[in-house]
C-alpha atoms as a PDB file:
ATOM      1  CA  MET A   1      10.139  10.673  -5.080  1.00  0.00           C
ATOM      2  CA  ASP A   2       8.881  13.534  -7.219  1.00  0.00           C
ATOM      3  CA  ALA A   3       5.361  12.038  -7.457  1.00  0.00           C
ATOM      4  CA  LEU A   4       5.234  11.578  -3.676  1.00  0.00           C
ATOM      5  CA  GLU A   5       6.390  15.142  -3.097  1.00  0.00           C
ATOM      6  CA  ALA A   6       3.830  16.536  -5.568  1.00  0.00           C
ATOM      7  CA  GLU A   7       1.034  14.493  -3.910  1.00  0.00           C
ATOM      8  CA  ALA A   8       2.149  15.648  -0.469  1.00  0.00           C
ATOM      9  CA  GLU A   9       1.998  19.286  -1.675  1.00  0.00           C
ATOM     10  CA  LYS A  10      -1.552  18.790  -2.914  1.00  0.00           C
ATOM     11  CA  ARG A  11      -2.955  16.827   0.006  1.00  0.00           C
ATOM     12  CA  GLY A  12      -0.585  17.683   2.866  1.00  0.00           C
ATOM     13  CA  THR A  13       0.229  14.082   3.580  1.00  0.00           C
ATOM     14  CA  VAL A  14       1.024  10.811   1.780  1.00  0.00           C
ATOM     15  CA  SER A  15       0.559   7.449   3.484  1.00  0.00           C
ATOM     16  CA  THR A  16       1.784   3.895   3.043  1.00  0.00           C
ATOM     17  CA  THR A  17       0.610   0.721   4.664  1.00  0.00           C
ATOM     18  CA  PRO A  18       2.474  -1.429   7.203  1.00  0.00           C
ATOM     19  CA  ILE A  19       2.566  -4.127   4.455  1.00  0.00           C
ATOM     20  CA  ASN A  20       4.361  -1.771   2.101  1.00  0.00           C
ATOM     21  CA  LEU A  21       6.809  -0.912   4.842  1.00  0.00           C
ATOM     22  CA  CYS A  22       7.532  -4.611   5.311  1.00  0.00           C
ATOM     23  CA  GLU A  23       8.332  -4.862   1.598  1.00  0.00           C
ATOM     24  CA  LEU A  24      10.583  -1.797   1.700  1.00  0.00           C
ATOM     25  CA  TYR A  25      12.523  -3.064   4.724  1.00  0.00           C
ATOM     26  CA  ALA A  26      12.834  -6.569   3.198  1.00  0.00           C
ATOM     27  CA  GLY A  27      14.280  -5.010   0.043  1.00  0.00           C
ATOM     28  CA  ALA A  28      16.678  -2.884   2.031  1.00  0.00           C
ATOM     29  CA  TYR A  29      17.962  -5.749   4.156  1.00  0.00           C
ATOM     30  CA  GLY A  30      18.378  -7.873   1.059  1.00  0.00           C
ATOM     31  CA  ALA A  31      20.373  -5.192  -0.805  1.00  0.00           C
ATOM     32  CA  ARG A  32      24.133  -5.232  -1.434  1.00  0.00           C
ATOM     33  CA  GLU A  33      24.463  -2.188   0.788  1.00  0.00           C
ATOM     34  CA  PRO A  34      21.773  -2.607   3.435  1.00  0.00           C
ATOM     35  CA  GLY A  35      22.935   0.359   5.503  1.00  0.00           C
ATOM     36  CA  ARG A  36      22.553   2.784   2.597  1.00  0.00           C
ATOM     37  CA  LYS A  37      19.115   1.346   1.633  1.00  0.00           C
ATOM     38  CA  LEU A  38      17.910   1.344   5.212  1.00  0.00           C
ATOM     39  CA  SER A  39      18.834   5.017   5.492  1.00  0.00           C
ATOM     40  CA  LYS A  40      16.771   5.770   2.395  1.00  0.00           C
ATOM     41  CA  VAL A  41      13.825   3.805   3.717  1.00  0.00           C
ATOM     42  CA  GLY A  42      14.136   5.660   7.036  1.00  0.00           C
ATOM     43  CA  GLU A  43      14.075   9.010   5.284  1.00  0.00           C
ATOM     44  CA  LEU A  44      10.995   7.974   3.315  1.00  0.00           C
ATOM     45  CA  VAL A  45       9.157   6.582   6.333  1.00  0.00           C
ATOM     46  CA  ALA A  46       9.740   9.793   8.283  1.00  0.00           C
ATOM     47  CA  ARG A  47       7.744  11.674   5.635  1.00  0.00           C
ATOM     48  CA  LEU A  48       4.812   9.261   5.377  1.00  0.00           C
ATOM     49  CA  GLY A  49       1.678   8.532   7.361  1.00  0.00           C
ATOM     50  CA  VAL A  50       1.062   4.858   8.210  1.00  0.00           C
ATOM     51  CA  PRO A  51      -2.634   4.027   8.649  1.00  0.00           C
ATOM     52  CA  GLU A  52      -3.138   1.092  10.971  1.00  0.00           C
ATOM     53  CA  PHE A  53      -4.226  -2.396   9.989  1.00  0.00           C
ATOM     54  CA  GLY A  54      -6.962  -2.650  12.569  1.00  0.00           C
ATOM     55  CA  ALA A  55     -10.201  -4.464  13.055  1.00  0.00           C
ATOM     56  CA  GLY A  56     -12.019  -2.498  10.336  1.00  0.00           C
ATOM     57  CA  ALA A  57      -9.418  -3.247   7.723  1.00  0.00           C
ATOM     58  CA  ALA A  58      -9.372  -6.890   8.782  1.00  0.00           C
ATOM     59  CA  ARG A  59     -13.159  -7.010   8.267  1.00  0.00           C
ATOM     60  CA  ARG A  60     -12.750  -5.486   4.787  1.00  0.00           C
ATOM     61  CA  TYR A  61     -10.121  -8.137   4.005  1.00  0.00           C
ATOM     62  CA  GLY A  62     -12.658 -10.778   4.949  1.00  0.00           C
ATOM     63  CA  GLU A  63     -15.186  -9.189   2.631  1.00  0.00           C
ATOM     64  CA  LEU A  64     -12.688  -9.122  -0.250  1.00  0.00           C
ATOM     65  CA  THR A  65     -11.919 -12.808   0.173  1.00  0.00           C
ATOM     66  CA  SER A  66     -15.533 -13.576  -0.684  1.00  0.00           C
ATOM     67  CA  ASP A  67     -15.602 -11.409  -3.832  1.00  0.00           C
ATOM     68  CA  GLU A  68     -16.303 -13.777  -6.693  1.00  0.00           C
ATOM     69  CA  ALA A  69     -14.073 -12.007  -9.265  1.00  0.00           C
ATOM     70  CA  LEU A  70     -11.144 -11.903  -6.822  1.00  0.00           C
ATOM     71  CA  ARG A  71     -11.677 -15.581  -6.002  1.00  0.00           C
ATOM     72  CA  ARG A  72     -11.553 -16.539  -9.644  1.00  0.00           C
ATOM     73  CA  GLU A  73      -8.439 -14.470 -10.300  1.00  0.00           C
ATOM     74  CA  PRO A  74      -6.684 -13.792  -6.923  1.00  0.00           C
ATOM     75  CA  ILE A  75      -4.434 -10.834  -6.434  1.00  0.00           C
ATOM     76  CA  GLY A  76      -2.583 -12.251  -3.416  1.00  0.00           C
ATOM     77  CA  ASP A  77      -3.062 -11.859   0.286  1.00  0.00           C
ATOM     78  CA  PHE A  78      -0.619  -8.979   0.730  1.00  0.00           C
ATOM     79  CA  ASP A  79      -2.273  -6.976  -2.042  1.00  0.00           C
ATOM     80  CA  MET A  80      -5.709  -7.680  -0.563  1.00  0.00           C
ATOM     81  CA  ILE A  81      -4.501  -6.496   2.847  1.00  0.00           C
ATOM     82  CA  ILE A  82      -3.064  -3.312   1.255  1.00  0.00           C
ATOM     83  CA  ALA A  83      -6.405  -2.717  -0.524  1.00  0.00           C
ATOM     84  CA  SER A  84      -8.350  -3.377   2.731  1.00  0.00           C
ATOM     85  CA  ILE A  85      -6.326  -0.738   4.578  1.00  0.00           C
ATOM     86  CA  ALA A  86      -6.833   1.782   1.807  1.00  0.00           C
ATOM     87  CA  LEU A  87     -10.564   1.098   1.696  1.00  0.00           C
ATOM     88  CA  GLU A  88     -10.991   1.293   5.450  1.00  0.00           C
ATOM     89  CA  HIS A  89      -9.170   4.621   5.696  1.00  0.00           C
ATOM     90  CA  ARG A  90     -10.848   5.958   2.504  1.00  0.00           C
ATOM     91  CA  GLU A  91      -7.478   6.490   0.856  1.00  0.00           C
ATOM     92  CA  LYS A  92      -6.723   6.516  -2.852  1.00  0.00           C
ATOM     93  CA  LEU A  93      -4.171   3.835  -3.758  1.00  0.00           C
ATOM     94  CA  ALA A  94      -1.228   4.860  -5.972  1.00  0.00           C
ATOM     95  CA  THR A  95       0.430   1.842  -7.580  1.00  0.00           C
ATOM     96  CA  ARG A  96       2.421   0.466 -10.481  1.00  0.00           C
ATOM     97  CA  ASN A  97       0.263  -2.636 -10.280  1.00  0.00           C
ATOM     98  CA  PHE A  98      -3.022  -1.319 -11.626  1.00  0.00           C
ATOM     99  CA  ARG A  99      -3.755  -4.771 -13.103  1.00  0.00           C
ATOM    100  CA  HIS A 100      -4.281  -6.198  -9.591  1.00  0.00           C
ATOM    101  CA  PHE A 101      -5.615  -3.309  -7.633  1.00  0.00           C
ATOM    102  CA  GLY A 102      -7.895  -2.010 -10.365  1.00  0.00           C
ATOM    103  CA  ARG A 103     -10.052  -5.078  -9.903  1.00  0.00           C
ATOM    104  CA  VAL A 104     -10.796  -4.406  -6.229  1.00  0.00           C
ATOM    105  CA  PRO A 105     -14.383  -3.202  -5.823  1.00  0.00           C
ATOM    106  CA  GLU A 106     -14.775   0.395  -4.590  1.00  0.00           C
ATOM    107  CA  LEU A 107     -11.002   0.979  -4.418  1.00  0.00           C
ATOM    108  CA  VAL A 108      -9.894   4.262  -5.994  1.00  0.00           C
ATOM    109  CA  VAL A 109      -6.696   3.462  -7.811  1.00  0.00           C
ATOM    110  CA  GLU A 110      -4.196   5.795  -9.481  1.00  0.00           C
ATOM    111  CA  GLU A 111      -1.494   4.312 -11.649  1.00  0.00           C
ATOM    112  CA  TRP A 112       2.003   5.715 -10.934  1.00  0.00           C
END
């Protein structure tokens, strides 16, 4: 949470994608104590922006599916959708998975 807070201080806002929210909620519902985890997710979501996955991001996803390097070594549909949303909204992507996202053309990636 410290990294998120520091970034929010710098930029004024931090965002996550609807796909990331799906992953957070899936983890919370699958936890031993879903109520506690859902509360934490709710607190986090209240502090984040959520750029939409609209027609522009869908078009970018289509473009990425034709990228030769990504076809040879796929990163997975969810990660390509996340990258598409970040690209469309001109957002930097902070991730622990630099190995995947670092190969997406034009995507600005910061390893956290």
